Amino acid sequence: MPRILFVAAHRPDRSPSQRYRFEQFTQYWASQGFTFEYAWLIGPEEDRVFYSPGHVLAKTGIFMKSWRRRARQVARAREFDLVIVQREAFMTGSTRFERRLAASGVPLIYDFDDAIWRMDVSDANRNLRWLKDPAKTSRIIGLADLVIAGNDHLGDYARRFNDRVEVIPTVIDTDQYTATPGATRADGKVVIGWTGSYTSLAHLRKELPMLRELHAQWGDRILFRIISDRDLIAPDLPIENVRWSSATEVRDLQDIDIGIMPLPDDEWSRGKCGFKGLQYMGMGKAVVLGRVGVNRTIVQEGVNGLLAGDQQEWLNALGQLIASSDLRTRLGTAARRTVEEKYSVRAWRDRYLELFRGLLSERMKH
């Protein structure tokens, strides 16, 4: 049975990128004869320290421990038939571990789903940004036997450094994300939902003036449900904050009527894979997504969702959906069908296996 080593920063079920780009496929791939080992760096206790402000001495210890851990993992590369590196093998600007993996002779797959060649550092680690080197992304791409990019924008970047690039979107498990029309609330409110991490919550905060104007227009007719690891604080708005959990994220989205995904039109956003929108759409929800990047590919406007740019477009799109449950149902049904056909685990799981087997076959010939 072919063995795959999956190299990433976080333990299983910790990082959305890892879960949706790799982990959700492994049960099916195992049924097709592949086995897997996770090579991760940061455990639960380290996680809490590493993503909190300060703790410079403790973070130095985590860096050293992680370096030693990764060195041991990479030294075992030849025990495997394929290696997949997701985003980076280590959190600094070094490509030492990727170079060692490439030199092992084991086919190396590099997967990325954001414009990570741009500087992006968590608020808790701003003072350590000098350790990062976003330009290393191009060097890792050049080392890989195959690059898997999350959208065409990322794929175009990768092709500047490697001829073997496959674009595979971040996808939804439609067995888990089932179509669930929003329950009719006793108070008759239309629930507008958003889900995401603390970092992407900044995009929603920028839209607070639009949300306030929407509330001024619709009053008690609407409620905002925010699912995140931090609360959105806006006392003048009817907000229901729900603490994000991987165990409950599907259930927490079931009761929304409209899913939103505002984004700024910049390089980082153009590298996004539209995952929030796909989560809503996979559950048969009507969506309004920012008219940026891959969202314009995912949404066929007026058919399976709506797009918006400036504040007036957002107000118009959301107003249409608030006013018409029939429109919400029609767009939501088409959205679910789009995900099933183009952005689901079922649609892509065998393509990965074709790529894996192709690399294994090439290795055998050599």
Protein backbone atom coordinates (compact mmCIF):
# COMPACT_ATOMS: atom_id res chain seq x y z
CA MET A 1 0.00 0.00 0.00
CA PRO A 2 1.48 3.40 -0.97
CA ARG A 3 2.37 5.54 2.02
CA ILE A 4 1.92 9.32 2.03
CA LEU A 5 3.61 11.71 4.46
CA PHE A 6 1.55 14.87 4.98
CA VAL A 7 3.75 17.77 6.17
CA ALA A 8 1.96 20.78 7.68
CA ALA A 9 2.05 23.12 10.65
CA HIS A 10 -0.94 21.95 12.65
CA ARG A 11 -2.26 18.76 14.17
CA PRO A 12 -5.29 17.12 12.52
CA ASP A 13 -8.65 18.93 12.85
CA ARG A 14 -6.96 22.22 13.78
CA SER A 15 -6.47 24.14 10.54
CA PRO A 16 -9.30 24.69 8.04
CA SER A 17 -6.79 24.71 5.20
CA GLN A 18 -5.48 21.28 6.14
CA ARG A 19 -8.90 19.85 6.89
CA TYR A 20 -10.47 20.89 3.61
CA ARG A 21 -7.44 20.45 1.33
CA PHE A 22 -6.38 17.05 2.66
CA GLU A 23 -7.90 15.58 5.80
CA GLN A 24 -11.47 15.24 4.53
CA PHE A 25 -10.26 13.05 1.66
CA THR A 26 -8.18 10.53 3.58
CA GLN A 27 -10.95 8.11 4.50
CA TYR A 28 -11.83 7.65 0.84
CA TRP A 29 -8.20 7.48 -0.25
CA ALA A 30 -7.58 4.82 2.41
CA SER A 31 -10.41 2.77 0.92
CA GLN A 32 -8.49 2.94 -2.36
CA GLY A 33 -5.30 1.52 -0.85
CA PHE A 34 -3.34 4.54 0.45
CA THR A 35 -2.07 5.02 4.00
CA PHE A 36 -1.09 8.30 5.66
CA GLU A 37 1.06 9.75 8.38
CA TYR A 38 0.71 13.33 9.62
CA ALA A 39 3.89 15.30 10.32
CA TRP A 40 2.77 18.35 12.30
CA LEU A 41 4.58 20.82 14.52
CA ILE A 42 2.39 22.68 16.98
CA GLY A 43 0.41 20.91 19.71
CA PRO A 44 -2.51 22.30 21.76
CA GLU A 45 -0.46 23.82 24.58
CA GLU A 46 2.10 25.30 22.18
CA ASP A 47 -0.77 26.61 20.05
CA ARG A 48 -2.16 28.74 22.85
CA VAL A 49 1.23 30.35 23.49
CA PHE A 50 2.30 30.70 19.88
CA TYR A 51 -0.81 32.62 18.80
CA SER A 52 -0.94 34.91 21.85
CA PRO A 53 0.87 38.26 22.09
CA GLY A 54 4.20 38.33 23.88
CA HIS A 55 5.74 35.15 25.33
CA VAL A 56 8.93 35.74 23.31
CA LEU A 57 11.04 33.34 25.40
CA ALA A 58 8.38 30.62 25.26
CA LYS A 59 8.01 31.12 21.51
CA THR A 60 11.76 30.75 21.08
CA GLY A 61 11.48 27.40 22.85
CA ILE A 62 8.62 26.37 20.54
CA PHE A 63 10.70 27.31 17.49
CA MET A 64 13.61 25.17 18.67
CA LYS A 65 11.39 22.22 19.60
CA SER A 66 9.55 22.47 16.28
CA TRP A 67 12.81 22.60 14.34
CA ARG A 68 14.04 19.42 15.99
CA ARG A 69 10.67 17.73 15.47
CA ARG A 70 10.60 18.65 11.79
CA ALA A 71 14.19 17.48 11.30
CA ARG A 72 13.27 14.03 12.67
CA GLN A 73 10.20 13.86 10.44
CA VAL A 74 12.04 14.88 7.29
CA ALA A 75 14.82 12.36 7.99
CA ARG A 76 12.18 9.62 7.55
CA ALA A 77 11.02 10.79 4.12
CA ARG A 78 12.42 7.76 2.28
CA GLU A 79 10.07 5.52 4.28
CA PHE A 80 7.21 6.97 2.21
CA ASP A 81 6.11 6.83 -1.41
CA LEU A 82 4.81 10.41 -1.66
CA VAL A 83 5.25 13.57 0.38
CA ILE A 84 2.70 16.39 0.45
CA VAL A 85 3.77 19.76 1.89
CA GLN A 86 0.85 22.06 2.67
CA ARG A 87 1.84 25.75 2.51
CA GLU A 88 5.26 25.36 4.18
CA ALA A 89 7.33 22.88 6.14
CA PHE A 90 8.47 25.44 8.71
CA MET A 91 7.17 28.81 9.91
CA THR A 92 10.31 30.86 9.17
CA GLY A 93 11.76 31.98 5.85
CA SER A 94 13.95 28.88 5.59
CA THR A 95 13.36 26.28 2.84
CA ARG A 96 15.85 23.85 4.39
CA PHE A 97 13.27 21.15 5.04
CA GLU A 98 11.63 21.41 1.61
CA ARG A 99 15.07 21.13 0.00
CA ARG A 100 15.84 18.02 2.03
CA LEU A 101 12.49 16.49 1.07
CA ALA A 102 13.14 17.22 -2.61
CA ALA A 103 16.61 15.67 -2.33
CA SER A 104 15.18 12.47 -0.82
CA GLY A 105 14.01 11.28 -4.24
CA VAL A 106 10.46 10.76 -2.97
CA PRO A 107 7.95 12.60 -5.21
CA LEU A 108 7.12 15.93 -3.60
CA ILE A 109 3.69 17.55 -3.94
CA TYR A 110 3.28 21.16 -2.84
CA ASP A 111 -0.24 22.41 -2.03
CA PHE A 112 -1.25 26.00 -1.31
CA ASP A 113 -4.56 27.85 -1.15
CA ASP A 114 -3.74 31.48 -0.42
CA ALA A 115 -1.55 34.22 -1.90
CA ILE A 116 1.11 33.33 0.65
CA TRP A 117 3.86 35.00 -1.37
CA ARG A 118 2.42 38.17 0.20
CA MET A 119 3.42 39.01 3.78
CA ASP A 120 0.70 37.89 6.20
CA VAL A 121 1.51 37.60 9.90
CA SER A 122 -0.94 37.16 12.78
CA ASP A 123 -1.40 40.16 15.08
CA ALA A 124 0.10 38.13 17.94
CA ASN A 125 3.39 37.72 16.05
CA ARG A 126 3.86 41.10 14.35
CA ASN A 127 7.16 41.60 16.16
CA LEU A 128 8.46 38.33 14.68
CA ARG A 129 7.65 39.15 11.05
CA TRP A 130 11.39 39.56 10.34
CA LEU A 131 11.62 35.74 10.58
CA LYS A 132 9.25 35.33 7.62
CA ASP A 133 10.14 35.40 3.92
CA PRO A 134 7.04 35.21 1.71
CA ALA A 135 9.26 34.95 -1.36
CA LYS A 136 10.18 31.44 -0.27
CA THR A 137 6.87 30.29 -1.76
CA SER A 138 8.36 30.56 -5.25
CA ARG A 139 11.41 28.53 -4.20
CA ILE A 140 9.24 25.76 -2.72
CA ILE A 141 7.15 25.67 -5.89
CA GLY A 142 10.32 25.23 -7.91
CA LEU A 143 11.37 22.23 -5.80
CA ALA A 144 8.11 20.30 -6.20
CA ASP A 145 7.39 17.45 -8.61
CA LEU A 146 3.77 18.63 -8.69
CA VAL A 147 2.10 21.81 -7.46
CA ILE A 148 -1.60 21.84 -6.51
CA ALA A 149 -3.07 25.34 -6.35
CA GLY A 150 -6.47 26.27 -4.97
CA ASN A 151 -7.59 28.53 -7.83
CA ASP A 152 -6.51 29.90 -11.20
CA HIS A 153 -4.93 33.04 -9.73
CA LEU A 154 -2.66 30.88 -7.55
CA GLY A 155 -2.09 28.50 -10.44
CA ASP A 156 -0.92 31.32 -12.71
CA TYR A 157 1.57 32.40 -10.06
CA ALA A 158 2.85 28.83 -9.60
CA ARG A 159 3.39 28.35 -13.34
CA ARG A 160 6.02 31.08 -13.26
CA PHE A 161 8.24 28.65 -11.31
CA ASN A 162 7.04 25.15 -12.21
CA ASP A 163 5.50 23.62 -15.33
CA ARG A 164 3.57 20.95 -13.44
CA VAL A 165 0.67 22.78 -11.83
CA GLU A 166 -2.81 21.40 -11.20
CA VAL A 167 -5.66 23.64 -10.03
CA ILE A 168 -7.96 21.91 -7.54
CA PRO A 169 -10.48 24.06 -5.63
CA THR A 170 -11.04 23.86 -1.90
CA VAL A 171 -14.15 21.71 -1.72
CA ILE A 172 -17.10 20.74 0.44
CA ASP A 173 -18.06 17.31 1.77
CA THR A 174 -21.67 17.29 0.59
CA ASP A 175 -22.41 14.29 2.82
CA GLN A 176 -21.66 16.51 5.80
CA TYR A 177 -22.87 19.84 4.45
CA THR A 178 -26.42 18.88 3.58
CA ALA A 179 -29.04 21.17 2.08
CA THR A 180 -31.10 22.59 4.93
CA PRO A 181 -33.56 25.42 4.31
CA GLY A 182 -33.48 27.91 7.15
CA ALA A 183 -36.12 27.15 9.76
CA THR A 184 -38.97 29.64 9.83
CA ARG A 185 -38.44 31.53 13.05
CA ALA A 186 -41.35 32.33 15.31
CA ASP A 187 -40.29 35.99 15.22
CA GLY A 188 -40.14 36.00 11.41
CA LYS A 189 -36.57 37.30 11.27
CA VAL A 190 -34.32 36.65 8.27
CA VAL A 191 -30.92 35.47 9.53
CA ILE A 192 -27.85 36.78 7.70
CA GLY A 193 -24.85 34.61 8.53
CA TRP A 194 -21.08 34.91 8.37
CA THR A 195 -18.43 32.42 9.47
CA GLY A 196 -14.67 32.76 9.66
CA SER A 197 -11.61 33.25 11.81
CA TYR A 198 -10.53 36.26 13.82
CA THR A 199 -8.23 37.40 11.01
CA SER A 200 -10.97 37.44 8.38
CA LEU A 201 -13.36 39.10 10.82
CA ALA A 202 -11.54 42.31 9.89
CA HIS A 203 -13.21 42.17 6.46
CA LEU A 204 -16.62 42.05 8.10
CA ARG A 205 -15.79 44.94 10.43
CA LYS A 206 -15.09 47.12 7.40
CA GLU A 207 -18.67 46.48 6.31
CA LEU A 208 -20.22 47.65 9.59
CA PRO A 209 -21.46 50.91 7.99
CA MET A 210 -23.26 48.82 5.36
CA LEU A 211 -24.72 46.49 8.00
CA ARG A 212 -25.93 49.49 10.00
CA GLU A 213 -27.63 50.95 6.93
CA LEU A 214 -29.18 47.56 6.19
CA HIS A 215 -30.51 47.44 9.75
CA ALA A 216 -31.85 50.97 9.40
CA GLN A 217 -33.78 49.87 6.32
CA TRP A 218 -35.09 46.54 7.61
CA GLY A 219 -35.13 46.95 11.38
CA ASP A 220 -36.42 43.97 13.37
CA ARG A 221 -36.87 41.95 10.17
CA ILE A 222 -33.20 40.85 10.24
CA LEU A 223 -30.68 39.23 12.59
CA PHE A 224 -26.93 38.76 12.06
CA ARG A 225 -25.38 35.44 13.13
CA ILE A 226 -21.58 35.61 13.42
CA ILE A 227 -19.72 32.30 13.84
CA SER A 228 -16.08 32.90 14.77
CA ASP A 229 -13.39 32.39 17.38
CA ARG A 230 -13.94 36.03 18.45
CA ASP A 231 -17.11 38.06 18.88
CA LEU A 232 -18.10 40.86 16.55
CA ILE A 233 -18.87 43.75 18.90
CA ALA A 234 -21.42 46.23 17.58
CA PRO A 235 -23.97 47.00 20.33
CA ASP A 236 -26.25 48.91 17.94
CA LEU A 237 -26.78 45.85 15.72
CA PRO A 238 -28.85 42.71 16.38
CA ILE A 239 -25.92 40.25 16.46
CA GLU A 240 -25.94 36.67 17.67
CA ASN A 241 -22.30 35.67 18.25
CA VAL A 242 -21.63 31.93 18.13
CA ARG A 243 -18.24 30.53 19.12
CA TRP A 244 -16.77 28.56 16.21
CA SER A 245 -16.11 24.83 16.68
CA SER A 246 -15.25 22.23 14.05
CA ALA A 247 -17.67 19.89 15.81
CA THR A 248 -20.64 22.25 15.46
CA GLU A 249 -19.84 24.48 12.47
CA VAL A 250 -22.33 22.73 10.17
CA ARG A 251 -25.13 22.80 12.72
CA ASP A 252 -24.39 26.43 13.53
CA LEU A 253 -24.86 27.38 9.87
CA GLN A 254 -28.10 25.48 9.40
CA ASP A 255 -30.35 28.22 10.72
CA ILE A 256 -29.09 31.05 8.53
CA ASP A 257 -31.10 32.21 5.52
CA ILE A 258 -28.42 34.21 3.70
CA GLY A 259 -24.64 33.73 3.75
CA ILE A 260 -22.30 36.67 3.16
CA MET A 261 -18.62 36.92 2.29
CA PRO A 262 -17.33 40.50 1.97
CA LEU A 263 -13.75 40.88 0.73
CA PRO A 264 -11.49 43.79 -0.20
CA ASP A 265 -10.34 43.78 -3.82
CA ASP A 266 -6.62 43.18 -3.28
CA GLU A 267 -3.94 40.62 -4.10
CA TRP A 268 -4.50 38.61 -0.93
CA SER A 269 -8.25 38.33 -1.55
CA ARG A 270 -7.73 37.35 -5.18
CA GLY A 271 -5.80 34.37 -3.87
CA LYS A 272 -8.73 33.24 -1.70
CA CYS A 273 -10.58 30.06 -2.70
CA GLY A 274 -14.11 31.19 -1.86
CA PHE A 275 -14.52 28.65 0.89
CA LYS A 276 -16.96 30.60 3.08
CA GLY A 277 -19.25 30.98 0.10
CA LEU A 278 -19.00 27.30 -0.74
CA GLN A 279 -19.91 26.37 2.83
CA TYR A 280 -23.12 28.37 2.60
CA MET A 281 -23.88 27.16 -0.92
CA GLY A 282 -23.27 23.52 -0.01
CA MET A 283 -26.06 23.85 2.53
CA GLY A 284 -28.43 25.27 -0.06
CA LYS A 285 -28.25 28.83 1.27
CA ALA A 286 -28.65 31.98 -0.80
CA VAL A 287 -25.38 33.94 -0.87
CA VAL A 288 -24.01 37.40 -1.49
CA LEU A 289 -20.26 37.26 -2.08
CA GLY A 290 -17.75 40.01 -2.68
CA ARG A 291 -17.13 40.49 -6.40
CA VAL A 292 -13.47 39.49 -6.07
CA GLY A 293 -11.29 36.74 -7.47
CA VAL A 294 -12.66 33.20 -7.62
CA ASN A 295 -16.05 34.32 -6.27
CA ARG A 296 -16.81 35.56 -9.78
CA THR A 297 -16.22 32.05 -11.07
CA ILE A 298 -18.18 30.27 -8.36
CA VAL A 299 -21.25 32.51 -8.58
CA GLN A 300 -23.21 32.91 -11.78
CA GLU A 301 -25.00 36.07 -10.80
CA GLY A 302 -28.75 35.74 -10.47
CA VAL A 303 -28.57 31.98 -11.07
CA ASN A 304 -26.87 30.49 -8.01
CA GLY A 305 -26.13 33.58 -5.95
CA LEU A 306 -25.46 37.31 -6.00
CA LEU A 307 -22.26 39.37 -6.07
CA ALA A 308 -21.61 42.81 -4.62
CA GLY A 309 -18.86 45.40 -4.65
CA ASP A 310 -19.71 48.82 -3.19
CA GLN A 311 -22.09 49.51 -0.34
CA GLN A 312 -25.09 50.17 -2.55
CA GLU A 313 -24.64 46.85 -4.36
CA TRP A 314 -24.51 45.07 -1.02
CA LEU A 315 -27.66 46.82 0.17
CA ASN A 316 -29.49 46.05 -3.07
CA ALA A 317 -28.48 42.37 -3.14
CA LEU A 318 -29.27 41.72 0.50
CA GLY A 319 -32.51 43.68 0.22
CA GLN A 320 -33.69 41.45 -2.62
CA LEU A 321 -33.02 38.32 -0.58
CA ILE A 322 -34.53 39.65 2.64
CA ALA A 323 -37.70 40.58 0.76
CA SER A 324 -38.19 37.30 -1.10
CA SER A 325 -38.10 33.83 0.43
CA ASP A 326 -38.80 32.43 -3.06
CA LEU A 327 -35.64 34.05 -4.42
CA ARG A 328 -33.64 32.68 -1.49
CA THR A 329 -34.95 29.19 -2.17
CA ARG A 330 -34.31 29.35 -5.91
CA LEU A 331 -30.75 30.61 -5.58
CA GLY A 332 -30.01 28.26 -2.70
CA THR A 333 -31.15 25.21 -4.66
CA ALA A 334 -28.96 26.17 -7.61
CA ALA A 335 -26.05 26.90 -5.25
CA ARG A 336 -26.23 23.40 -3.79
CA ARG A 337 -26.23 21.91 -7.28
CA THR A 338 -23.14 23.96 -8.20
CA VAL A 339 -21.25 22.64 -5.20
CA GLU A 340 -22.25 19.04 -5.88
CA GLU A 341 -21.09 19.22 -9.49
CA LYS A 342 -17.96 21.38 -9.25
CA TYR A 343 -16.82 21.95 -5.66
CA SER A 344 -17.44 18.73 -3.72
CA VAL A 345 -15.24 15.99 -2.33
CA ARG A 346 -16.98 13.53 -4.62
CA ALA A 347 -16.18 15.65 -7.67
CA TRP A 348 -12.43 15.77 -6.96
CA ARG A 349 -11.36 12.83 -4.77
CA ASP A 350 -10.51 10.57 -7.74
CA ARG A 351 -8.55 13.29 -9.55
CA TYR A 352 -6.15 13.37 -6.62
CA LEU A 353 -5.70 9.61 -6.89
CA GLU A 354 -4.94 9.93 -10.60
CA LEU A 355 -2.21 12.44 -9.78
CA PHE A 356 -0.81 10.31 -6.96
CA ARG A 357 -0.68 7.21 -9.16
CA GLY A 358 0.90 9.15 -11.99
CA LEU A 359 3.78 10.27 -9.76
CA LEU A 360 4.21 6.75 -8.36
CA SER A 361 4.31 5.32 -11.89
CA GLU A 362 6.97 7.85 -12.94
CA ARG A 363 9.07 6.98 -9.92
CA MET A 364 8.88 3.27 -10.77
CA LYS A 365 10.12 3.97 -14.30
CA HIS A 366 13.15 5.73 -12.92
